[in-house]
C-alpha atoms as a PDB file:
ATOM      1  CA  MET A   1      15.742   6.039 -10.983  1.00  0.00           C
ATOM      2  CA  THR A   2      16.685   2.830 -12.737  1.00  0.00           C
ATOM      3  CA  PRO A   3      14.476   0.344 -14.585  1.00  0.00           C
ATOM      4  CA  ASN A   4      14.874  -2.051 -11.595  1.00  0.00           C
ATOM      5  CA  ASP A   5      13.973   0.698  -9.080  1.00  0.00           C
ATOM      6  CA  PRO A   6      11.286   2.979 -10.595  1.00  0.00           C
ATOM      7  CA  LEU A   7      10.107   6.102  -8.842  1.00  0.00           C
ATOM      8  CA  GLU A   8       7.360   5.830  -6.241  1.00  0.00           C
ATOM      9  CA  ALA A   9       4.958   7.588  -8.592  1.00  0.00           C
ATOM     10  CA  LYS A  10       5.365   4.735 -11.165  1.00  0.00           C
ATOM     11  CA  VAL A  11       4.834   2.141  -8.455  1.00  0.00           C
ATOM     12  CA  GLU A  12       1.718   3.978  -7.338  1.00  0.00           C
ATOM     13  CA  ALA A  13       0.410   4.202 -10.923  1.00  0.00           C
ATOM     14  CA  ARG A  14       0.838   0.423 -11.368  1.00  0.00           C
ATOM     15  CA  LEU A  15      -1.196  -0.239  -8.229  1.00  0.00           C
ATOM     16  CA  CYS A  16      -3.941   2.244  -9.175  1.00  0.00           C
ATOM     17  CA  TYR A  17      -4.352   0.789 -12.678  1.00  0.00           C
ATOM     18  CA  ALA A  18      -4.506  -2.799 -11.411  1.00  0.00           C
ATOM     19  CA  ILE A  19      -7.115  -1.919  -8.755  1.00  0.00           C
ATOM     20  CA  LYS A  20      -9.216  -0.078 -11.370  1.00  0.00           C
ATOM     21  CA  VAL A  21      -9.123  -3.131 -13.671  1.00  0.00           C
ATOM     22  CA  ARG A  22     -10.494  -5.181 -10.766  1.00  0.00           C
ATOM     23  CA  GLY A  23     -13.457  -2.816 -10.388  1.00  0.00           C
ATOM     24  CA  GLY A  24     -12.069  -1.029  -7.350  1.00  0.00           C
ATOM     25  CA  ARG A  25     -10.684   2.355  -6.405  1.00  0.00           C
ATOM     26  CA  ALA A  26      -7.327   3.402  -4.984  1.00  0.00           C
ATOM     27  CA  TYR A  27      -8.094   6.731  -3.419  1.00  0.00           C
ATOM     28  CA  LYS A  28      -5.232   9.113  -2.764  1.00  0.00           C
ATOM     29  CA  PHE A  29      -5.111   9.639   0.994  1.00  0.00           C
ATOM     30  CA  THR A  30      -3.790  13.005   2.205  1.00  0.00           C
ATOM     31  CA  SER A  31      -4.467  14.549   5.547  1.00  0.00           C
ATOM     32  CA  PRO A  32      -2.804  17.964   5.916  1.00  0.00           C
ATOM     33  CA  ALA A  33      -3.471  18.077   9.638  1.00  0.00           C
ATOM     34  CA  HIS A  34      -2.175  14.511  10.167  1.00  0.00           C
ATOM     35  CA  ARG A  35       1.096  13.712   8.436  1.00  0.00           C
ATOM     36  CA  GLY A  36       2.370  10.170   7.871  1.00  0.00           C
ATOM     37  CA  VAL A  37      -0.872   8.593   6.663  1.00  0.00           C
ATOM     38  CA  PRO A  38      -0.564   5.850   3.999  1.00  0.00           C
ATOM     39  CA  ASP A  39      -0.587   6.920   0.318  1.00  0.00           C
ATOM     40  CA  ARG A  40      -3.730   5.063  -0.773  1.00  0.00           C
ATOM     41  CA  ILE A  41      -6.953   3.598   0.484  1.00  0.00           C
ATOM     42  CA  VAL A  42      -7.809   0.593  -1.709  1.00  0.00           C
ATOM     43  CA  VAL A  43     -11.496  -0.145  -1.921  1.00  0.00           C
ATOM     44  CA  LEU A  44     -12.618  -3.321  -3.676  1.00  0.00           C
ATOM     45  CA  PRO A  45     -16.131  -4.741  -4.134  1.00  0.00           C
ATOM     46  CA  GLY A  46     -17.280  -6.796  -1.182  1.00  0.00           C
ATOM     47  CA  ARG A  47     -14.333  -6.214   1.172  1.00  0.00           C
ATOM     48  CA  PRO A  48     -13.180  -3.681   3.766  1.00  0.00           C
ATOM     49  CA  PRO A  49     -10.807  -0.892   2.689  1.00  0.00           C
ATOM     50  CA  ILE A  50      -7.056  -1.544   2.778  1.00  0.00           C
ATOM     51  CA  PHE A  51      -4.514   1.179   3.586  1.00  0.00           C
ATOM     52  CA  VAL A  52      -1.418   1.082   1.371  1.00  0.00           C
ATOM     53  CA  GLU A  53       1.871   2.920   1.722  1.00  0.00           C
ATOM     54  CA  LEU A  54       4.011   2.752  -1.445  1.00  0.00           C
ATOM     55  CA  LYS A  55       7.776   2.960  -1.679  1.00  0.00           C
ATOM     56  CA  ARG A  56      10.305   2.383  -4.377  1.00  0.00           C
ATOM     57  CA  LEU A  57      12.571  -0.623  -3.848  1.00  0.00           C
ATOM     58  CA  SER A  58      15.249   1.503  -2.232  1.00  0.00           C
ATOM     59  CA  GLY A  59      12.738   3.581  -0.214  1.00  0.00           C
ATOM     60  CA  LYS A  60      12.433   3.646   3.536  1.00  0.00           C
ATOM     61  CA  LEU A  61       9.463   4.051   5.785  1.00  0.00           C
ATOM     62  CA  ALA A  62       9.819   7.238   7.837  1.00  0.00           C
ATOM     63  CA  PRO A  63       9.343   6.886  11.617  1.00  0.00           C
ATOM     64  CA  LEU A  64       6.116   8.932  11.432  1.00  0.00           C
ATOM     65  CA  GLN A  65       4.802   6.678   8.655  1.00  0.00           C
ATOM     66  CA  GLU A  66       5.645   3.581  10.648  1.00  0.00           C
ATOM     67  CA  GLN A  67       3.885   5.003  13.680  1.00  0.00           C
ATOM     68  CA  GLU A  68       0.748   5.789  11.663  1.00  0.00           C
ATOM     69  CA  CYS A  69       0.721   2.340  10.035  1.00  0.00           C
ATOM     70  CA  LEU A  70       1.056   0.755  13.490  1.00  0.00           C
ATOM     71  CA  GLN A  71      -1.782   2.897  14.808  1.00  0.00           C
ATOM     72  CA  LEU A  72      -4.067   1.901  11.954  1.00  0.00           C
ATOM     73  CA  ARG A  73      -3.128  -1.799  12.192  1.00  0.00           C
ATOM     74  CA  LYS A  74      -2.812  -2.502  15.881  1.00  0.00           C
ATOM     75  CA  ALA A  75      -4.935   0.135  17.605  1.00  0.00           C
ATOM     76  CA  LEU A  76      -7.700   0.404  15.030  1.00  0.00           C
ATOM     77  CA  GLY A  77      -7.670  -3.079  13.493  1.00  0.00           C
ATOM     78  CA  GLN A  78      -7.290  -1.934   9.910  1.00  0.00           C
ATOM     79  CA  GLU A  79      -5.517  -3.844   7.162  1.00  0.00           C
ATOM     80  CA  VAL A  80      -2.307  -2.016   6.192  1.00  0.00           C
ATOM     81  CA  PHE A  81       0.366  -2.882   3.668  1.00  0.00           C
ATOM     82  CA  VAL A  82       3.713  -1.250   2.868  1.00  0.00           C
ATOM     83  CA  LEU A  83       4.670  -2.098  -0.725  1.00  0.00           C
ATOM     84  CA  TYR A  84       8.223  -1.750  -2.004  1.00  0.00           C
ATOM     85  CA  GLY A  85       8.423  -1.522  -5.782  1.00  0.00           C
ATOM     86  CA  TYR A  86       6.698  -3.525  -8.480  1.00  0.00           C
ATOM     87  CA  PRO A  87       7.415  -6.936  -6.882  1.00  0.00           C
ATOM     88  CA  ASP A  88       5.389  -6.050  -3.784  1.00  0.00           C
ATOM     89  CA  VAL A  89       2.580  -4.525  -5.837  1.00  0.00           C
ATOM     90  CA  ASP A  90       2.353  -7.811  -7.817  1.00  0.00           C
ATOM     91  CA  GLU A  91       2.328  -9.827  -4.557  1.00  0.00           C
ATOM     92  CA  PHE A  92      -0.397  -7.527  -3.164  1.00  0.00           C
ATOM     93  CA  LEU A  93      -2.472  -8.167  -6.260  1.00  0.00           C
ATOM     94  CA  ASN A  94      -2.029 -11.912  -5.741  1.00  0.00           C
ATOM     95  CA  TYR A  95      -3.145 -11.433  -2.122  1.00  0.00           C
ATOM     96  CA  ILE A  96      -6.296  -9.507  -2.965  1.00  0.00           C
ATOM     97  CA  ASP A  97      -7.095 -11.945  -5.812  1.00  0.00           C
ATOM     98  CA  GLY A  98      -6.865 -14.874  -3.370  1.00  0.00           C
ATOM     99  CA  ARG A  99      -3.816 -16.373  -5.002  1.00  0.00           C
ATOM    100  CA  PRO A 100      -0.727 -17.475  -3.029  1.00  0.00           C
ATOM    101  CA  SER A 101       1.338 -14.508  -1.909  1.00  0.00           C
ATOM    102  CA  SER A 102       4.386 -14.093   0.291  1.00  0.00           C
ATOM    103  CA  LEU A 103       3.190 -10.622   1.321  1.00  0.00           C
ATOM    104  CA  LYS A 104       1.876 -10.106   4.813  1.00  0.00           C
ATOM    105  CA  PRO A 105       0.014  -7.109   6.266  1.00  0.00           C
ATOM    106  CA  PHE A 106       2.176  -4.503   8.026  1.00  0.00           C
ATOM    107  CA  GLY A 107       2.978  -5.453  11.563  1.00  0.00           C
ATOM    108  CA  GLY A 108       5.852  -3.139  12.453  1.00  0.00           C
ATOM    109  CA  ARG A 109       9.412  -4.071  13.094  1.00  0.00           C
END
């Protein structure tokens, strides 16, 4: 871990705190019988839930995670984001706050 590439747990904590401040919840999503699901389900007042997979800047999406994100996004029509490090968390917050953001929902490679 370096200051420029914090551990995934720190990235996750930043997201959870920011969502809480906005009156929402970032529920931890685990499914023992179904591996590869995104890390968090973000629920904000007045909008549908958003699935979020968090990675550190140097992290990589595992093939099973990519498959699950694609299933949620394309087959089930859910909003899914994969966030790499603090910069993507900040862009995601801009997105949910309705400010300009370069971040786009997950669409696969």
